[in-house]
Amino acid sequence: MKFKFLTLILIPLVSIGCSANEITKKDIQKYVETSDVFINIDTPIYSLADTTKKNAMADAIYKSSLAKLYFLKSYEKELFPIYNLEDKMMSENFFGYCWMGKFINDYKSFAPKPSLVDVETLQWLDKKRAIWAQHISKKFGNDTSVKNYCPY
């Protein structure tokens, strides 16, 4: 499972690295849409995961989420200034990112000890969560009837 996940994430990264001079906004949008799928497909898992106590399932979700965030952070770092996650994302997709961020934040005290890379990723997430909350508030306000609404 991890191999499949890493393969699906690494293929776009490798192709970006190999053709960095030829990247177009259209190419970047494809990578962002792929990332959105990986995040949003797990929205129900993030919203239903037990974050009140340490458990193996939540540990696995936490580690998987950090890996996804690491790759998103890497996209931004390597492709700045032509790539900014929020500029390319559809408004509805912020909910998946919100739920993932909320899960990580709520489970952080029970999670395995983070590595240095994880700490940097968590710091990046903290900054992004504030941005995502602004996007959600601006676009949807407090309309909780929206599918997958995330209550930051």
N, C-alpha and C. Protein backbone atom coordinates (compact mmCIF):
# COMPACT_ATOMS: atom_id res chain seq x y z
N MET A 1 0.83 -1.19 0.00
CA MET A 1 0.00 0.00 0.00
C MET A 1 0.87 1.25 0.00
N LYS A 2 1.88 1.28 0.91
CA LYS A 2 2.75 2.44 0.96
C LYS A 2 3.50 2.60 -0.37
N PHE A 3 3.90 1.48 -0.95
CA PHE A 3 4.64 1.54 -2.21
C PHE A 3 3.78 2.17 -3.30
N LYS A 4 2.52 1.74 -3.38
CA LYS A 4 1.61 2.31 -4.39
C LYS A 4 1.42 3.80 -4.16
N PHE A 5 1.22 4.18 -2.90
CA PHE A 5 1.02 5.58 -2.56
C PHE A 5 2.25 6.39 -2.94
N LEU A 6 3.42 5.93 -2.52
CA LEU A 6 4.65 6.66 -2.82
C LEU A 6 4.91 6.72 -4.33
N THR A 7 4.60 5.64 -5.04
CA THR A 7 4.80 5.62 -6.48
C THR A 7 3.92 6.67 -7.15
N LEU A 8 2.66 6.74 -6.74
CA LEU A 8 1.74 7.70 -7.34
C LEU A 8 2.14 9.14 -7.04
N ILE A 9 2.73 9.37 -5.88
CA ILE A 9 3.17 10.71 -5.53
C ILE A 9 4.51 11.03 -6.17
N LEU A 10 5.42 10.05 -6.18
CA LEU A 10 6.77 10.32 -6.67
C LEU A 10 6.85 10.49 -8.18
N ILE A 11 6.01 9.82 -8.93
CA ILE A 11 6.06 9.95 -10.40
C ILE A 11 5.92 11.41 -10.83
N PRO A 12 4.92 12.15 -10.34
CA PRO A 12 4.86 13.57 -10.72
C PRO A 12 6.07 14.37 -10.24
N LEU A 13 6.56 14.06 -9.04
CA LEU A 13 7.72 14.80 -8.53
C LEU A 13 8.95 14.56 -9.38
N VAL A 14 9.17 13.32 -9.76
CA VAL A 14 10.33 12.99 -10.60
C VAL A 14 10.19 13.68 -11.95
N SER A 15 9.00 13.64 -12.50
CA SER A 15 8.81 14.28 -13.81
C SER A 15 8.99 15.79 -13.71
N ILE A 16 8.62 16.37 -12.58
CA ILE A 16 8.85 17.80 -12.38
C ILE A 16 10.35 18.06 -12.32
N GLY A 17 11.05 17.26 -11.55
CA GLY A 17 12.49 17.44 -11.40
C GLY A 17 13.23 17.26 -12.70
N CYS A 18 12.79 16.36 -13.53
CA CYS A 18 13.47 16.08 -14.79
C CYS A 18 13.19 17.13 -15.84
N SER A 19 12.10 17.83 -15.71
CA SER A 19 11.74 18.79 -16.75
C SER A 19 11.40 20.15 -16.15
N ALA A 20 12.13 20.54 -15.12
CA ALA A 20 11.80 21.77 -14.40
C ALA A 20 11.75 22.99 -15.29
N ASN A 21 12.52 23.02 -16.35
CA ASN A 21 12.53 24.19 -17.23
C ASN A 21 11.32 24.21 -18.15
N GLU A 22 10.64 23.10 -18.29
CA GLU A 22 9.54 22.99 -19.24
C GLU A 22 8.17 22.97 -18.56
N ILE A 23 8.12 23.25 -17.29
CA ILE A 23 6.87 23.18 -16.55
C ILE A 23 5.96 24.33 -16.96
N THR A 24 4.72 23.98 -17.21
CA THR A 24 3.73 25.00 -17.54
C THR A 24 2.69 25.04 -16.43
N LYS A 25 1.90 26.08 -16.42
CA LYS A 25 0.85 26.18 -15.42
C LYS A 25 -0.14 25.03 -15.56
N LYS A 26 -0.34 24.58 -16.78
CA LYS A 26 -1.26 23.45 -17.02
C LYS A 26 -0.71 22.17 -16.37
N ASP A 27 0.60 21.94 -16.50
CA ASP A 27 1.23 20.77 -15.88
C ASP A 27 1.08 20.83 -14.36
N ILE A 28 1.33 21.99 -13.82
CA ILE A 28 1.22 22.16 -12.37
C ILE A 28 -0.20 21.88 -11.91
N GLN A 29 -1.18 22.37 -12.66
CA GLN A 29 -2.57 22.13 -12.30
C GLN A 29 -2.87 20.64 -12.24
N LYS A 30 -2.30 19.86 -13.14
CA LYS A 30 -2.50 18.41 -13.11
C LYS A 30 -1.97 17.80 -11.82
N TYR A 31 -0.80 18.25 -11.38
CA TYR A 31 -0.22 17.73 -10.14
C TYR A 31 -1.07 18.13 -8.94
N VAL A 32 -1.57 19.35 -8.96
CA VAL A 32 -2.42 19.82 -7.86
C VAL A 32 -3.70 19.01 -7.81
N GLU A 33 -4.31 18.78 -8.96
CA GLU A 33 -5.55 18.00 -8.99
C GLU A 33 -5.32 16.60 -8.48
N THR A 34 -4.18 16.00 -8.81
CA THR A 34 -3.83 14.67 -8.30
C THR A 34 -3.72 14.72 -6.78
N SER A 35 -3.05 15.74 -6.27
CA SER A 35 -2.92 15.90 -4.82
C SER A 35 -4.27 16.07 -4.17
N ASP A 36 -5.14 16.86 -4.79
CA ASP A 36 -6.47 17.07 -4.24
C ASP A 36 -7.22 15.74 -4.10
N VAL A 37 -7.06 14.86 -5.07
CA VAL A 37 -7.72 13.55 -5.01
C VAL A 37 -7.21 12.77 -3.81
N PHE A 38 -5.89 12.75 -3.61
CA PHE A 38 -5.32 12.01 -2.48
C PHE A 38 -5.82 12.53 -1.15
N ILE A 39 -6.01 13.82 -1.04
CA ILE A 39 -6.48 14.41 0.21
C ILE A 39 -7.98 14.22 0.36
N ASN A 40 -8.74 14.59 -0.66
CA ASN A 40 -10.19 14.60 -0.55
C ASN A 40 -10.82 13.21 -0.48
N ILE A 41 -10.17 12.23 -1.03
CA ILE A 41 -10.72 10.87 -0.95
C ILE A 41 -10.74 10.38 0.50
N ASP A 42 -9.86 10.95 1.33
CA ASP A 42 -9.79 10.55 2.73
C ASP A 42 -10.57 11.46 3.68
N THR A 43 -11.31 12.42 3.15
CA THR A 43 -12.05 13.35 4.00
C THR A 43 -12.92 12.63 5.04
N PRO A 44 -13.70 11.61 4.64
CA PRO A 44 -14.51 10.94 5.67
C PRO A 44 -13.65 10.28 6.75
N ILE A 45 -12.50 9.80 6.38
CA ILE A 45 -11.61 9.15 7.35
C ILE A 45 -11.10 10.19 8.34
N TYR A 46 -10.66 11.35 7.84
CA TYR A 46 -10.17 12.40 8.73
C TYR A 46 -11.26 12.86 9.69
N SER A 47 -12.46 12.99 9.19
CA SER A 47 -13.54 13.53 10.02
C SER A 47 -14.05 12.52 11.04
N LEU A 48 -13.89 11.22 10.77
CA LEU A 48 -14.40 10.20 11.68
C LEU A 48 -13.34 9.54 12.56
N ALA A 49 -12.06 9.79 12.28
CA ALA A 49 -10.99 9.14 13.04
C ALA A 49 -11.04 9.55 14.50
N ASP A 50 -10.74 8.59 15.37
CA ASP A 50 -10.74 8.84 16.81
C ASP A 50 -9.45 9.57 17.20
N THR A 51 -9.60 10.82 17.61
CA THR A 51 -8.44 11.61 18.00
C THR A 51 -8.39 11.84 19.51
N THR A 52 -9.19 11.06 20.25
CA THR A 52 -9.25 11.25 21.70
C THR A 52 -8.30 10.35 22.46
N LYS A 53 -7.70 9.38 21.77
CA LYS A 53 -6.74 8.48 22.43
C LYS A 53 -5.82 7.88 21.38
N LYS A 54 -4.68 7.43 21.81
CA LYS A 54 -3.72 6.81 20.91
C LYS A 54 -4.29 5.48 20.40
N ASN A 55 -4.19 5.28 19.08
CA ASN A 55 -4.63 4.01 18.51
C ASN A 55 -3.89 3.78 17.19
N ALA A 56 -3.76 2.53 16.80
CA ALA A 56 -2.98 2.16 15.62
C ALA A 56 -3.56 2.76 14.34
N MET A 57 -4.86 2.79 14.22
CA MET A 57 -5.48 3.33 13.01
C MET A 57 -5.14 4.82 12.86
N ALA A 58 -5.32 5.57 13.92
CA ALA A 58 -5.03 7.01 13.86
C ALA A 58 -3.54 7.26 13.62
N ASP A 59 -2.67 6.40 14.20
CA ASP A 59 -1.23 6.53 13.93
C ASP A 59 -0.94 6.38 12.44
N ALA A 60 -1.58 5.40 11.81
CA ALA A 60 -1.37 5.17 10.37
C ALA A 60 -1.90 6.33 9.54
N ILE A 61 -3.06 6.83 9.89
CA ILE A 61 -3.64 7.98 9.18
C ILE A 61 -2.73 9.20 9.35
N TYR A 62 -2.23 9.38 10.55
CA TYR A 62 -1.34 10.52 10.85
C TYR A 62 -0.07 10.45 9.99
N LYS A 63 0.56 9.29 9.95
CA LYS A 63 1.79 9.14 9.16
C LYS A 63 1.51 9.34 7.67
N SER A 64 0.42 8.80 7.18
CA SER A 64 0.04 8.97 5.78
C SER A 64 -0.22 10.44 5.46
N SER A 65 -0.88 11.12 6.36
CA SER A 65 -1.19 12.53 6.17
C SER A 65 0.08 13.38 6.14
N LEU A 66 1.01 13.08 7.02
CA LEU A 66 2.27 13.82 7.02
C LEU A 66 3.03 13.61 5.71
N ALA A 67 2.98 12.40 5.18
CA ALA A 67 3.64 12.13 3.89
C ALA A 67 3.01 12.96 2.78
N LYS A 68 1.69 13.01 2.76
CA LYS A 68 0.99 13.80 1.74
C LYS A 68 1.36 15.28 1.88
N LEU A 69 1.36 15.77 3.10
CA LEU A 69 1.69 17.17 3.33
C LEU A 69 3.13 17.48 2.95
N TYR A 70 4.02 16.54 3.22
CA TYR A 70 5.43 16.73 2.86
C TYR A 70 5.56 16.95 1.35
N PHE A 71 4.85 16.15 0.56
CA PHE A 71 4.93 16.29 -0.89
C PHE A 71 4.30 17.61 -1.36
N LEU A 72 3.20 18.00 -0.75
CA LEU A 72 2.60 19.29 -1.10
C LEU A 72 3.55 20.44 -0.78
N LYS A 73 4.16 20.36 0.39
CA LYS A 73 5.13 21.38 0.79
C LYS A 73 6.30 21.40 -0.20
N SER A 74 6.72 20.24 -0.64
CA SER A 74 7.82 20.14 -1.60
C SER A 74 7.44 20.76 -2.94
N TYR A 75 6.20 20.51 -3.39
CA TYR A 75 5.73 21.14 -4.63
C TYR A 75 5.91 22.65 -4.54
N GLU A 76 5.42 23.20 -3.45
CA GLU A 76 5.50 24.65 -3.29
C GLU A 76 6.94 25.15 -3.23
N LYS A 77 7.74 24.47 -2.47
CA LYS A 77 9.14 24.89 -2.30
C LYS A 77 9.90 24.86 -3.62
N GLU A 78 9.74 23.79 -4.37
CA GLU A 78 10.48 23.61 -5.61
C GLU A 78 9.96 24.48 -6.75
N LEU A 79 8.68 24.78 -6.73
CA LEU A 79 8.07 25.48 -7.85
C LEU A 79 7.72 26.93 -7.58
N PHE A 80 8.09 27.44 -6.41
CA PHE A 80 7.81 28.83 -6.10
C PHE A 80 8.56 29.70 -7.09
N PRO A 81 7.99 30.72 -7.63
CA PRO A 81 6.72 31.38 -7.33
C PRO A 81 5.59 30.98 -8.27
N ILE A 82 5.82 30.04 -9.21
CA ILE A 82 4.75 29.72 -10.17
C ILE A 82 3.71 28.77 -9.59
N TYR A 83 3.99 28.20 -8.43
CA TYR A 83 3.04 27.28 -7.82
C TYR A 83 2.75 27.71 -6.40
N ASN A 84 1.50 27.89 -6.10
CA ASN A 84 1.02 28.16 -4.76
C ASN A 84 -0.25 27.34 -4.60
N LEU A 85 -0.26 26.46 -3.66
CA LEU A 85 -1.36 25.51 -3.47
C LEU A 85 -2.73 26.18 -3.51
N GLU A 86 -2.89 27.25 -2.78
CA GLU A 86 -4.20 27.88 -2.68
C GLU A 86 -4.65 28.55 -3.97
N ASP A 87 -3.70 29.02 -4.76
CA ASP A 87 -4.06 29.69 -6.01
C ASP A 87 -4.61 28.71 -7.04
N LYS A 88 -4.25 27.46 -6.94
CA LYS A 88 -4.64 26.47 -7.94
C LYS A 88 -5.81 25.59 -7.52
N MET A 89 -6.23 25.71 -6.28
CA MET A 89 -7.21 24.79 -5.72
C MET A 89 -8.64 25.29 -5.89
N MET A 90 -9.54 24.37 -6.23
CA MET A 90 -10.96 24.70 -6.27
C MET A 90 -11.45 24.90 -4.82
N SER A 91 -12.36 25.83 -4.63
CA SER A 91 -12.82 26.18 -3.29
C SER A 91 -13.32 24.98 -2.49
N GLU A 92 -14.05 24.08 -3.14
CA GLU A 92 -14.63 22.93 -2.45
C GLU A 92 -13.55 21.99 -1.91
N ASN A 93 -12.37 22.01 -2.52
CA ASN A 93 -11.31 21.10 -2.09
C ASN A 93 -10.64 21.54 -0.80
N PHE A 94 -10.89 22.76 -0.37
CA PHE A 94 -10.31 23.20 0.89
C PHE A 94 -10.83 22.39 2.07
N PHE A 95 -12.03 21.83 1.93
CA PHE A 95 -12.59 21.05 3.04
C PHE A 95 -11.76 19.81 3.34
N GLY A 96 -11.29 19.11 2.32
CA GLY A 96 -10.44 17.94 2.55
C GLY A 96 -9.16 18.32 3.27
N TYR A 97 -8.55 19.41 2.84
CA TYR A 97 -7.32 19.90 3.49
C TYR A 97 -7.62 20.33 4.91
N CYS A 98 -8.75 20.99 5.10
CA CYS A 98 -9.16 21.41 6.43
C CYS A 98 -9.32 20.22 7.37
N TRP A 99 -10.04 19.18 6.91
CA TRP A 99 -10.24 18.00 7.75
C TRP A 99 -8.93 17.30 8.07
N MET A 100 -8.03 17.23 7.09
CA MET A 100 -6.74 16.61 7.34
C MET A 100 -5.97 17.43 8.38
N GLY A 101 -5.95 18.75 8.22
CA GLY A 101 -5.26 19.60 9.18
C GLY A 101 -5.87 19.51 10.57
N LYS A 102 -7.19 19.47 10.62
CA LYS A 102 -7.88 19.34 11.91
C LYS A 102 -7.54 18.01 12.58
N PHE A 103 -7.55 16.93 11.79
CA PHE A 103 -7.20 15.62 12.34
C PHE A 103 -5.78 15.65 12.91
N ILE A 104 -4.83 16.15 12.13
CA ILE A 104 -3.44 16.17 12.57
C ILE A 104 -3.30 17.00 13.83
N ASN A 105 -3.92 18.16 13.85
CA ASN A 105 -3.83 19.03 15.02
C ASN A 105 -4.44 18.36 16.25
N ASP A 106 -5.60 17.74 16.09
CA ASP A 106 -6.29 17.10 17.22
C ASP A 106 -5.55 15.86 17.72
N TYR A 107 -4.86 15.16 16.83
CA TYR A 107 -4.19 13.90 17.22
C TYR A 107 -2.72 14.10 17.58
N LYS A 108 -2.19 15.28 17.36
CA LYS A 108 -0.77 15.55 17.53
C LYS A 108 -0.22 15.09 18.88
N SER A 109 -0.97 15.27 19.94
CA SER A 109 -0.47 14.91 21.28
C SER A 109 -0.33 13.39 21.47
N PHE A 110 -1.02 12.59 20.67
CA PHE A 110 -0.94 11.13 20.77
C PHE A 110 -0.02 10.53 19.71
N ALA A 111 0.33 11.31 18.73
CA ALA A 111 1.07 10.81 17.56
C ALA A 111 2.49 10.40 17.93
N PRO A 112 3.08 9.55 17.07
CA PRO A 112 4.48 9.17 17.28
C PRO A 112 5.36 10.43 17.26
N LYS A 113 6.49 10.34 17.94
CA LYS A 113 7.41 11.48 17.99
C LYS A 113 7.82 11.88 16.57
N PRO A 114 7.67 13.17 16.24
CA PRO A 114 7.97 13.59 14.87
C PRO A 114 9.48 13.70 14.60
N SER A 115 9.84 13.42 13.36
CA SER A 115 11.21 13.63 12.91
C SER A 115 11.39 15.12 12.61
N LEU A 116 12.60 15.52 12.28
CA LEU A 116 12.85 16.92 11.94
C LEU A 116 12.04 17.32 10.71
N VAL A 117 11.97 16.44 9.73
CA VAL A 117 11.18 16.71 8.52
C VAL A 117 9.71 16.87 8.89
N ASP A 118 9.23 16.01 9.79
CA ASP A 118 7.84 16.11 10.23
C ASP A 118 7.58 17.42 10.96
N VAL A 119 8.53 17.86 11.77
CA VAL A 119 8.36 19.12 12.50
C VAL A 119 8.24 20.27 11.51
N GLU A 120 9.09 20.29 10.49
CA GLU A 120 9.02 21.33 9.46
C GLU A 120 7.68 21.27 8.71
N THR A 121 7.23 20.06 8.43
CA THR A 121 5.96 19.89 7.74
C THR A 121 4.80 20.36 8.62
N LEU A 122 4.86 20.06 9.91
CA LEU A 122 3.82 20.50 10.83
C LEU A 122 3.80 22.03 10.95
N GLN A 123 4.96 22.64 10.93
CA GLN A 123 5.02 24.11 10.97
C GLN A 123 4.40 24.70 9.69
N TRP A 124 4.70 24.08 8.56
CA TRP A 124 4.12 24.50 7.29
C TRP A 124 2.59 24.36 7.35
N LEU A 125 2.14 23.23 7.91
CA LEU A 125 0.70 22.98 8.04
C LEU A 125 0.03 24.06 8.89
N ASP A 126 0.65 24.45 9.98
CA ASP A 126 0.06 25.48 10.84
C ASP A 126 -0.18 26.77 10.06
N LYS A 127 0.79 27.15 9.23
CA LYS A 127 0.63 28.36 8.41
C LYS A 127 -0.49 28.17 7.39
N LYS A 128 -0.52 27.00 6.77
CA LYS A 128 -1.52 26.72 5.74
C LYS A 128 -2.93 26.64 6.31
N ARG A 129 -3.07 26.10 7.50
CA ARG A 129 -4.40 25.98 8.10
C ARG A 129 -5.07 27.33 8.24
N ALA A 130 -4.29 28.33 8.62
CA ALA A 130 -4.85 29.68 8.75
C ALA A 130 -5.31 30.20 7.39
N ILE A 131 -4.53 29.92 6.36
CA ILE A 131 -4.89 30.35 5.00
C ILE A 131 -6.14 29.61 4.53
N TRP A 132 -6.18 28.31 4.77
CA TRP A 132 -7.33 27.51 4.34
C TRP A 132 -8.60 27.96 5.06
N ALA A 133 -8.48 28.27 6.34
CA ALA A 133 -9.64 28.74 7.10
C ALA A 133 -10.18 30.04 6.50
N GLN A 134 -9.29 30.93 6.09
CA GLN A 134 -9.71 32.18 5.46
C GLN A 134 -10.45 31.91 4.15
N HIS A 135 -9.93 31.00 3.34
CA HIS A 135 -10.59 30.66 2.08
C HIS A 135 -11.98 30.09 2.32
N ILE A 136 -12.09 29.19 3.28
CA ILE A 136 -13.38 28.58 3.59
C ILE A 136 -14.36 29.64 4.08
N SER A 137 -13.91 30.49 4.99
CA SER A 137 -14.76 31.53 5.54
C SER A 137 -15.22 32.51 4.45
N LYS A 138 -14.29 32.88 3.60
CA LYS A 138 -14.60 33.84 2.53
C LYS A 138 -15.61 33.26 1.54
N LYS A 139 -15.42 32.01 1.16
CA LYS A 139 -16.27 31.39 0.14
C LYS A 139 -17.59 30.87 0.68
N PHE A 140 -17.55 30.25 1.88
CA PHE A 140 -18.73 29.54 2.38
C PHE A 140 -19.32 30.13 3.66
N GLY A 141 -18.59 31.01 4.33
CA GLY A 141 -19.09 31.56 5.60
C GLY A 141 -19.34 30.44 6.59
N ASN A 142 -20.50 30.44 7.20
CA ASN A 142 -20.87 29.40 8.16
C ASN A 142 -21.95 28.48 7.60
N ASP A 143 -21.97 28.32 6.29
CA ASP A 143 -22.97 27.47 5.64
C ASP A 143 -22.61 26.00 5.86
N THR A 144 -23.09 25.44 6.96
CA THR A 144 -22.75 24.06 7.31
C THR A 144 -23.47 23.04 6.45
N SER A 145 -24.35 23.48 5.57
CA SER A 145 -25.07 22.53 4.70
C SER A 145 -24.20 22.09 3.52
N VAL A 146 -23.07 22.74 3.32
CA VAL A 146 -22.16 22.39 2.22
C VAL A 146 -21.56 21.01 2.50
N LYS A 147 -21.49 20.17 1.47
CA LYS A 147 -20.95 18.83 1.64
C LYS A 147 -19.53 18.89 2.20
N ASN A 148 -19.26 18.08 3.21
CA ASN A 148 -17.95 17.96 3.87
C ASN A 148 -17.51 19.23 4.56
N TYR A 149 -18.46 20.08 4.95
CA TYR A 149 -18.10 21.32 5.63
C TYR A 149 -17.16 21.03 6.81
N CYS A 150 -16.12 21.80 6.93
CA CYS A 150 -15.13 21.61 7.99
C CYS A 150 -15.23 22.73 9.02
N PRO A 151 -15.49 22.39 10.26
CA PRO A 151 -15.67 23.41 11.31
C PRO A 151 -14.36 23.83 11.96
N TYR A 152 -13.50 24.46 11.22
CA TYR A 152 -12.23 24.88 11.78
C TYR A 152 -12.41 25.23 13.21
